[in-house]
């Protein structure tokens, strides 16, 4: 008889409205998160056929087809040559890799925002030696 009462008490704890509301809330949050991720994945492909356009025109066209927003300044747009690209159903990061392949710029994607940034400067590897040589005589000074 005691075992049955213990068993019933455990079920009563599970059916407690506070427990059920927390469990339901967690389930809803997982569903909303999964739906948001699926929606973002579905809108990251573009189809483009552009010839001799500026970065502004390229990014406007990409914003029409995706949820991404692009951030860059006028100097960056002037330093990048005119862009010509023709792709069908290609990921946004692949398009950006092609655009900035031979450029001094790269990009960073944070959520649905794309920032155009300078490529990091790569310094030559340290060879282990000193870049200069020191020569001379060592003499002791009388005290």
Foldseek 3Di string as FASTA:
>chain_A
DVVVVVVVVVVVVCVPPVNVVVVVVVVVVVVVVVVVVVQQVVQFWDFDFDDQAWPVVVQVRSVVRHVADEDDDPVQRVQQGGDGDGDDGHGNQVVQCVRCVPHQWHWDDDPRYIYIGGDDDDDDDDPPDDPDDDDDDDDDDDD
